[in-house]
C-alpha atoms as a PDB file:
ATOM      1  CA  MET A   1      76.614  72.639 113.499  1.00  0.00           C
ATOM      2  CA  SER A   2      78.304  74.320 111.163  1.00  0.00           C
ATOM      3  CA  GLU A   3      78.307  72.920 108.053  1.00  0.00           C
ATOM      4  CA  SER A   4      79.856  71.714 106.418  1.00  0.00           C
ATOM      5  CA  LYS A   5      81.453  70.385 102.609  1.00  0.00           C
ATOM      6  CA  GLU A   6      81.250  66.732 103.994  1.00  0.00           C
ATOM      7  CA  SER A   7      78.444  64.875 103.351  1.00  0.00           C
ATOM      8  CA  PRO A   8      77.574  61.444 105.354  1.00  0.00           C
ATOM      9  CA  GLY A   9      79.300  58.094 104.702  1.00  0.00           C
ATOM     10  CA  THR A  10      82.421  61.107 103.154  1.00  0.00           C
ATOM     11  CA  ASN A  11      85.586  61.103 104.597  1.00  0.00           C
ATOM     12  CA  ALA A  12      86.223  64.422 107.311  1.00  0.00           C
ATOM     13  CA  VAL A  13      90.047  64.313 107.036  1.00  0.00           C
ATOM     14  CA  GLU A  14      91.658  63.099 103.892  1.00  0.00           C
ATOM     15  CA  VAL A  15      95.787  62.702 103.022  1.00  0.00           C
ATOM     16  CA  ARG A  16      97.795  62.607  99.843  1.00  0.00           C
ATOM     17  CA  SER A  17     101.231  62.235  99.518  1.00  0.00           C
ATOM     18  CA  LEU A  18     101.805  64.675 101.952  1.00  0.00           C
ATOM     19  CA  THR A  19     105.888  65.910 103.118  1.00  0.00           C
ATOM     20  CA  ARG A  20     106.844  68.988 105.150  1.00  0.00           C
ATOM     21  CA  THR A  21     110.449  68.882 104.655  1.00  0.00           C
ATOM     22  CA  PHE A  22     112.956  70.746 107.506  1.00  0.00           C
ATOM     23  CA  GLY A  23     115.746  71.964 104.941  1.00  0.00           C
ATOM     24  CA  ILE A  24     117.294  67.914 104.118  1.00  0.00           C
ATOM     25  CA  ARG A  25     115.071  66.754 106.665  1.00  0.00           C
ATOM     26  CA  LYS A  26     112.114  64.806 105.905  1.00  0.00           C
ATOM     27  CA  ALA A  27     109.192  66.016 109.195  1.00  0.00           C
ATOM     28  CA  LEU A  28     106.726  64.005 107.182  1.00  0.00           C
ATOM     29  CA  ASN A  29     107.421  61.508 104.206  1.00  0.00           C
ATOM     30  CA  ASP A  30     103.900  60.403 101.672  1.00  0.00           C
ATOM     31  CA  VAL A  31     101.999  60.254 104.013  1.00  0.00           C
ATOM     32  CA  THR A  32      99.125  58.857 103.096  1.00  0.00           C
ATOM     33  CA  PHE A  33      95.478  57.841 104.640  1.00  0.00           C
ATOM     34  CA  ASP A  34      91.759  58.754 105.303  1.00  0.00           C
ATOM     35  CA  LEU A  35      89.770  59.937 108.296  1.00  0.00           C
ATOM     36  CA  PRO A  36      86.050  58.458 107.886  1.00  0.00           C
ATOM     37  CA  ALA A  37      83.211  61.338 109.469  1.00  0.00           C
ATOM     38  CA  GLY A  38      82.842  60.517 112.730  1.00  0.00           C
ATOM     39  CA  ALA A  39      85.753  58.193 113.459  1.00  0.00           C
ATOM     40  CA  PHE A  40      88.625  59.293 115.998  1.00  0.00           C
ATOM     41  CA  LEU A  41      91.677  59.219 115.254  1.00  0.00           C
ATOM     42  CA  SER A  42      93.831  58.482 117.786  1.00  0.00           C
ATOM     43  CA  VAL A  43      97.937  59.042 116.163  1.00  0.00           C
ATOM     44  CA  PHE A  44     100.742  56.485 118.347  1.00  0.00           C
ATOM     45  CA  GLY A  45     104.375  57.159 117.376  1.00  0.00           C
ATOM     46  CA  PRO A  46     107.408  57.645 118.979  1.00  0.00           C
ATOM     47  CA  ASN A  47     108.709  61.675 119.517  1.00  0.00           C
ATOM     48  CA  GLY A  48     109.832  63.185 116.013  1.00  0.00           C
ATOM     49  CA  ALA A  49     107.984  60.553 113.783  1.00  0.00           C
ATOM     50  CA  GLY A  50     106.461  63.980 112.894  1.00  0.00           C
ATOM     51  CA  LYS A  51     103.077  63.213 114.570  1.00  0.00           C
ATOM     52  CA  THR A  52     102.957  67.813 115.472  1.00  0.00           C
ATOM     53  CA  THR A  53     103.717  68.034 111.935  1.00  0.00           C
ATOM     54  CA  LEU A  54     100.844  66.362 110.447  1.00  0.00           C
ATOM     55  CA  VAL A  55      99.293  68.577 113.028  1.00  0.00           C
ATOM     56  CA  LYS A  56      99.783  71.589 112.303  1.00  0.00           C
ATOM     57  CA  VAL A  57      99.816  71.212 107.545  1.00  0.00           C
ATOM     58  CA  LEU A  58      96.206  69.892 108.808  1.00  0.00           C
ATOM     59  CA  THR A  59      94.589  73.005 111.099  1.00  0.00           C
ATOM     60  CA  THR A  60      96.511  75.335 108.275  1.00  0.00           C
ATOM     61  CA  LEU A  61      99.164  76.302 111.242  1.00  0.00           C
ATOM     62  CA  MET A  62     101.729  74.984 108.901  1.00  0.00           C
ATOM     63  CA  ALA A  63     101.447  74.485 104.340  1.00  0.00           C
ATOM     64  CA  PRO A  64     103.266  71.397 103.574  1.00  0.00           C
ATOM     65  CA  SER A  65     105.790  70.446 101.796  1.00  0.00           C
ATOM     66  CA  LYS A  66     104.109  68.633  98.846  1.00  0.00           C
ATOM     67  CA  GLY A  67     101.246  66.631  98.796  1.00  0.00           C
ATOM     68  CA  THR A  68      97.911  67.535  99.501  1.00  0.00           C
ATOM     69  CA  ALA A  69      95.144  67.248 102.315  1.00  0.00           C
ATOM     70  CA  ARG A  70      91.575  68.057 103.228  1.00  0.00           C
ATOM     71  CA  VAL A  71      89.538  67.646 105.686  1.00  0.00           C
ATOM     72  CA  ALA A  72      85.870  68.896 106.153  1.00  0.00           C
ATOM     73  CA  GLY A  73      85.940  69.048 102.569  1.00  0.00           C
ATOM     74  CA  MET A  74      88.601  71.814 101.815  1.00  0.00           C
ATOM     75  CA  ASP A  75      91.716  71.496 100.633  1.00  0.00           C
ATOM     76  CA  VAL A  76      94.386  72.819 104.084  1.00  0.00           C
ATOM     77  CA  VAL A  77      96.071  75.200 101.396  1.00  0.00           C
ATOM     78  CA  ALA A  78      93.587  77.053  99.082  1.00  0.00           C
ATOM     79  CA  ASP A  79      90.876  76.724 101.386  1.00  0.00           C
ATOM     80  CA  ALA A  80      92.684  77.449 104.199  1.00  0.00           C
ATOM     81  CA  VAL A  81      90.776  80.629 106.077  1.00  0.00           C
ATOM     82  CA  GLU A  82      87.261  78.794 105.295  1.00  0.00           C
ATOM     83  CA  LEU A  83      88.559  75.803 106.956  1.00  0.00           C
ATOM     84  CA  ARG A  84      89.700  76.627 110.130  1.00  0.00           C
ATOM     85  CA  SER A  85      85.701  78.197 110.905  1.00  0.00           C
ATOM     86  CA  HIS A  86      85.356  74.101 110.681  1.00  0.00           C
ATOM     87  CA  ILE A  87      88.139  72.580 112.648  1.00  0.00           C
ATOM     88  CA  GLY A  88      89.157  73.227 116.636  1.00  0.00           C
ATOM     89  CA  LEU A  89      92.747  72.764 118.042  1.00  0.00           C
ATOM     90  CA  ILE A  90      93.984  71.896 121.443  1.00  0.00           C
ATOM     91  CA  SER A  91      97.728  71.743 121.759  1.00  0.00           C
ATOM     92  CA  HIS A  92      99.899  72.711 124.404  1.00  0.00           C
ATOM     93  CA  ASN A  93     100.044  76.117 123.218  1.00  0.00           C
ATOM     94  CA  PRO A  94      96.784  77.311 124.888  1.00  0.00           C
ATOM     95  CA  LEU A  95      95.547  80.500 122.294  1.00  0.00           C
ATOM     96  CA  LEU A  96      95.219  82.071 125.037  1.00  0.00           C
ATOM     97  CA  TYR A  97      95.760  85.881 125.659  1.00  0.00           C
ATOM     98  CA  PRO A  98      96.823  86.169 129.159  1.00  0.00           C
ATOM     99  CA  ASP A  99      96.122  89.828 130.334  1.00  0.00           C
ATOM    100  CA  LEU A 100      91.536  88.433 129.773  1.00  0.00           C
ATOM    101  CA  SER A 101      89.387  86.979 132.471  1.00  0.00           C
ATOM    102  CA  ALA A 102      88.515  83.785 130.526  1.00  0.00           C
ATOM    103  CA  ALA A 103      85.087  84.786 129.862  1.00  0.00           C
ATOM    104  CA  GLU A 104      86.742  87.810 127.907  1.00  0.00           C
ATOM    105  CA  ASN A 105      89.247  85.348 125.764  1.00  0.00           C
ATOM    106  CA  LEU A 106      85.815  83.189 125.080  1.00  0.00           C
ATOM    107  CA  GLU A 107      84.308  86.533 123.910  1.00  0.00           C
ATOM    108  CA  PHE A 108      86.993  87.309 121.659  1.00  0.00           C
ATOM    109  CA  PHE A 109      86.969  83.578 119.709  1.00  0.00           C
ATOM    110  CA  ALA A 110      83.327  83.592 119.766  1.00  0.00           C
ATOM    111  CA  GLU A 111      82.782  87.023 118.048  1.00  0.00           C
ATOM    112  CA  MET A 112      86.145  86.112 115.764  1.00  0.00           C
ATOM    113  CA  TYR A 113      83.799  83.215 114.701  1.00  0.00           C
ATOM    114  CA  GLY A 114      81.500  85.284 115.124  1.00  0.00           C
ATOM    115  CA  VAL A 115      79.223  82.019 116.400  1.00  0.00           C
ATOM    116  CA  PRO A 116      75.051  82.990 117.659  1.00  0.00           C
ATOM    117  CA  ASP A 117      74.136  83.730 121.544  1.00  0.00           C
ATOM    118  CA  ALA A 118      77.831  84.385 122.176  1.00  0.00           C
ATOM    119  CA  SER A 119      77.742  84.568 125.833  1.00  0.00           C
ATOM    120  CA  THR A 120      75.745  81.578 126.039  1.00  0.00           C
ATOM    121  CA  ARG A 121      77.678  79.141 124.954  1.00  0.00           C
ATOM    122  CA  VAL A 122      80.593  81.204 126.913  1.00  0.00           C
ATOM    123  CA  ARG A 123      78.857  80.653 129.907  1.00  0.00           C
ATOM    124  CA  GLU A 124      77.975  77.507 128.679  1.00  0.00           C
ATOM    125  CA  LEU A 125      81.127  76.382 128.087  1.00  0.00           C
ATOM    126  CA  LEU A 126      82.901  78.365 131.761  1.00  0.00           C
ATOM    127  CA  GLU A 127      79.901  75.392 132.464  1.00  0.00           C
ATOM    128  CA  ALA A 128      81.296  72.076 131.513  1.00  0.00           C
ATOM    129  CA  VAL A 129      85.092  72.663 132.492  1.00  0.00           C
ATOM    130  CA  GLU A 130      83.870  73.760 135.651  1.00  0.00           C
ATOM    131  CA  LEU A 131      85.993  77.174 135.348  1.00  0.00           C
ATOM    132  CA  ASP A 132      82.094  79.387 135.450  1.00  0.00           C
ATOM    133  CA  HIS A 133      83.610  80.710 138.580  1.00  0.00           C
ATOM    134  CA  ARG A 134      87.324  82.232 137.485  1.00  0.00           C
ATOM    135  CA  ARG A 135      85.547  83.367 134.551  1.00  0.00           C
ATOM    136  CA  LEU A 136      85.732  87.292 135.676  1.00  0.00           C
ATOM    137  CA  ASP A 137      89.735  85.815 136.424  1.00  0.00           C
ATOM    138  CA  LEU A 138      92.620  86.843 134.492  1.00  0.00           C
ATOM    139  CA  VAL A 139      93.351  83.799 132.553  1.00  0.00           C
ATOM    140  CA  ARG A 140      97.699  84.493 133.902  1.00  0.00           C
ATOM    141  CA  THR A 141      96.683  83.492 136.969  1.00  0.00           C
ATOM    142  CA  PHE A 142      95.671  79.677 135.861  1.00  0.00           C
ATOM    143  CA  SER A 143      97.608  77.186 136.707  1.00  0.00           C
ATOM    144  CA  ARG A 144      98.955  74.598 133.752  1.00  0.00           C
ATOM    145  CA  GLY A 145      95.525  72.384 133.793  1.00  0.00           C
ATOM    146  CA  MET A 146      93.060  75.213 133.794  1.00  0.00           C
ATOM    147  CA  LEU A 147      95.375  76.723 130.957  1.00  0.00           C
ATOM    148  CA  GLN A 148      93.643  73.639 129.657  1.00  0.00           C
ATOM    149  CA  ARG A 149      90.647  73.590 130.195  1.00  0.00           C
ATOM    150  CA  LEU A 150      90.349  76.618 129.633  1.00  0.00           C
ATOM    151  CA  SER A 151      91.898  76.054 126.389  1.00  0.00           C
ATOM    152  CA  ILE A 152      89.271  72.961 125.478  1.00  0.00           C
ATOM    153  CA  ALA A 153      86.050  75.676 126.178  1.00  0.00           C
ATOM    154  CA  ARG A 154      87.890  77.966 123.391  1.00  0.00           C
ATOM    155  CA  ALA A 155      88.436  74.466 121.070  1.00  0.00           C
ATOM    156  CA  LEU A 156      84.756  74.188 120.845  1.00  0.00           C
ATOM    157  CA  LEU A 157      82.809  77.166 120.724  1.00  0.00           C
ATOM    158  CA  HIS A 158      81.726  77.512 117.526  1.00  0.00           C
ATOM    159  CA  ARG A 159      81.068  73.233 117.577  1.00  0.00           C
ATOM    160  CA  PRO A 160      84.071  72.285 114.544  1.00  0.00           C
ATOM    161  CA  GLU A 161      82.740  69.624 112.549  1.00  0.00           C
ATOM    162  CA  VAL A 162      86.920  68.110 112.929  1.00  0.00           C
ATOM    163  CA  LEU A 163      88.649  68.919 116.603  1.00  0.00           C
ATOM    164  CA  PHE A 164      91.875  67.905 116.732  1.00  0.00           C
ATOM    165  CA  LEU A 165      93.629  67.291 119.950  1.00  0.00           C
ATOM    166  CA  ASP A 166      96.950  67.039 120.381  1.00  0.00           C
ATOM    167  CA  GLU A 167      98.243  65.117 123.468  1.00  0.00           C
ATOM    168  CA  PRO A 168      95.513  66.537 125.400  1.00  0.00           C
ATOM    169  CA  TYR A 169      95.658  65.363 128.433  1.00  0.00           C
ATOM    170  CA  SER A 170      99.051  66.738 129.460  1.00  0.00           C
ATOM    171  CA  GLY A 171      99.564  69.284 132.167  1.00  0.00           C
ATOM    172  CA  LEU A 172      96.428  67.516 134.111  1.00  0.00           C
ATOM    173  CA  ASP A 173      94.834  66.645 136.716  1.00  0.00           C
ATOM    174  CA  PRO A 174      93.396  63.447 137.438  1.00  0.00           C
ATOM    175  CA  HIS A 175      89.412  65.209 137.538  1.00  0.00           C
ATOM    176  CA  ALA A 176      90.181  67.873 134.850  1.00  0.00           C
ATOM    177  CA  VAL A 177      90.797  64.296 132.526  1.00  0.00           C
ATOM    178  CA  ASP A 178      87.444  62.633 134.544  1.00  0.00           C
ATOM    179  CA  ILE A 179      86.447  66.600 133.100  1.00  0.00           C
ATOM    180  CA  LEU A 180      88.075  66.212 129.497  1.00  0.00           C
ATOM    181  CA  ASP A 181      86.873  62.394 129.763  1.00  0.00           C
ATOM    182  CA  ASN A 182      83.071  62.979 129.782  1.00  0.00           C
ATOM    183  CA  LEU A 183      83.504  66.342 127.170  1.00  0.00           C
ATOM    184  CA  ILE A 184      84.779  63.754 125.149  1.00  0.00           C
ATOM    185  CA  ALA A 185      82.032  61.762 125.834  1.00  0.00           C
ATOM    186  CA  GLN A 186      78.965  64.346 125.442  1.00  0.00           C
ATOM    187  CA  ILE A 187      80.253  66.038 121.673  1.00  0.00           C
ATOM    188  CA  ARG A 188      81.521  62.791 120.322  1.00  0.00           C
ATOM    189  CA  ALA A 189      78.267  62.198 117.623  1.00  0.00           C
ATOM    190  CA  ASP A 190      79.406  65.967 116.599  1.00  0.00           C
ATOM    191  CA  HIS A 191      82.226  65.236 115.886  1.00  0.00           C
ATOM    192  CA  THR A 192      85.207  63.729 114.162  1.00  0.00           C
ATOM    193  CA  PHE A 193      88.309  63.550 116.254  1.00  0.00           C
ATOM    194  CA  VAL A 194      92.334  63.191 115.786  1.00  0.00           C
ATOM    195  CA  MET A 195      94.380  62.797 119.182  1.00  0.00           C
ATOM    196  CA  ILE A 196      97.931  62.816 119.111  1.00  0.00           C
ATOM    197  CA  SER A 197      98.685  60.349 122.113  1.00  0.00           C
ATOM    198  CA  HIS A 198     101.883  58.739 124.038  1.00  0.00           C
ATOM    199  CA  ASP A 199      99.281  57.092 126.592  1.00  0.00           C
ATOM    200  CA  LEU A 200      98.021  53.548 124.355  1.00  0.00           C
ATOM    201  CA  ALA A 201      95.889  52.844 127.091  1.00  0.00           C
ATOM    202  CA  LYS A 202      94.313  56.225 126.633  1.00  0.00           C
ATOM    203  CA  GLY A 203      94.230  56.618 123.226  1.00  0.00           C
ATOM    204  CA  LEU A 204      93.125  52.754 122.615  1.00  0.00           C
ATOM    205  CA  SER A 205      90.432  53.755 124.452  1.00  0.00           C
ATOM    206  CA  LEU A 206      88.458  56.098 122.768  1.00  0.00           C
ATOM    207  CA  CYS A 207      89.096  55.366 119.402  1.00  0.00           C
ATOM    208  CA  THR A 208      87.616  54.065 116.277  1.00  0.00           C
ATOM    209  CA  HIS A 209      90.885  53.734 113.693  1.00  0.00           C
ATOM    210  CA  THR A 210      94.586  54.453 115.533  1.00  0.00           C
ATOM    211  CA  LEU A 211      98.091  55.603 112.850  1.00  0.00           C
ATOM    212  CA  ILE A 212     101.386  55.250 113.359  1.00  0.00           C
ATOM    213  CA  MET A 213     103.671  56.878 112.599  1.00  0.00           C
ATOM    214  CA  ALA A 214     107.764  56.534 112.611  1.00  0.00           C
ATOM    215  CA  ARG A 215     110.115  58.487 110.752  1.00  0.00           C
ATOM    216  CA  GLY A 216     107.197  60.789 109.195  1.00  0.00           C
ATOM    217  CA  ARG A 217     106.090  57.604 107.525  1.00  0.00           C
ATOM    218  CA  VAL A 218     102.623  56.059 108.350  1.00  0.00           C
ATOM    219  CA  VAL A 219     103.401  52.541 109.510  1.00  0.00           C
ATOM    220  CA  LEU A 220     100.027  51.285 110.663  1.00  0.00           C
ATOM    221  CA  ALA A 221      96.367  53.137 109.063  1.00  0.00           C
ATOM    222  CA  GLU A 222      93.823  51.294 110.254  1.00  0.00           C
ATOM    223  CA  GLU A 223      90.913  50.448 111.944  1.00  0.00           C
ATOM    224  CA  ILE A 224      90.483  49.798 115.552  1.00  0.00           C
ATOM    225  CA  SER A 225      88.619  46.268 114.426  1.00  0.00           C
ATOM    226  CA  ALA A 226      90.971  45.422 112.501  1.00  0.00           C
ATOM    227  CA  VAL A 227      94.010  45.354 115.663  1.00  0.00           C
ATOM    228  CA  LYS A 228      93.117  44.065 118.897  1.00  0.00           C
ATOM    229  CA  ARG A 229      93.572  46.251 120.897  1.00  0.00           C
ATOM    230  CA  ASP A 230      95.663  44.368 123.426  1.00  0.00           C
ATOM    231  CA  GLU A 231      97.639  43.197 120.720  1.00  0.00           C
ATOM    232  CA  PHE A 232      98.285  47.015 120.052  1.00  0.00           C
ATOM    233  CA  ALA A 233     100.847  47.480 122.243  1.00  0.00           C
ATOM    234  CA  GLN A 234     102.988  44.570 121.224  1.00  0.00           C
ATOM    235  CA  LEU A 235     103.046  46.030 117.376  1.00  0.00           C
ATOM    236  CA  TYR A 236     103.342  49.045 118.941  1.00  0.00           C
ATOM    237  CA  ARG A 237     107.149  48.185 119.967  1.00  0.00           C
ATOM    238  CA  SER A 238     107.245  45.926 116.908  1.00  0.00           C
ATOM    239  CA  THR A 239     106.950  48.177 114.640  1.00  0.00           C
ATOM    240  CA  VAL A 240     108.257  51.847 115.820  1.00  0.00           C
ATOM    241  CA  GLY A 241     109.557  51.011 119.790  1.00  0.00           C
ATOM    242  CA  MET A 242     112.461  49.315 118.967  1.00  0.00           C
ATOM    243  CA  GLY A 243     113.086  51.262 116.170  1.00  0.00           C
ATOM    244  CA  VAL A 244     111.989  49.664 113.019  1.00  0.00           C
ATOM    245  CA  ALA A 245     110.790  51.906 110.707  1.00  0.00           C
END
């Protein structure tokens, strides 16, 4: 695992008054929260709440309009280049090259990240996502579920300290869901996770911390121990599900 600027017990994510505007619309509106290293944060909220914009800012894909954010001890703007080697992202876009094979895609990203013993790491991850038998096949021949599984391998190649997952279960068949569940269980102790989910049950089953967003604002930010899981659905409905923000 690559070295971090963090030390045990520090925060993996620190967000202060984060705002992102598009014209007159505020996709993020004065967002503030902390996430301890080693935690698993599930981010909930209706469509348009600002969840994906938040992840884009935290993964350096989009600059904030105001405020600050630090991930793995690094500023998302000032330290963006260095930070990218410490984070991983699984999103709706698999970020893969369709005219390269599965192995060639992972080898390319492994070289970009300077992964030691890359060939071994690539084979290890292809086996973990059960795609080793398709390692020489062009990615453009893969199903949606296979693309998502390969994108998971891509995101894990460099053993990122903070792993961002934007609806990672979207498009996965039940077997692929099991593969992702098993992978998360295996690597959970070595990473901090930030996951966007519309599936309350799945998000709650994995998380240690929850964040509810609505209209670009944080409605609730709590350790899950402070919010009873069997009451969370009602809490969600009472805060954002009924349009109250």
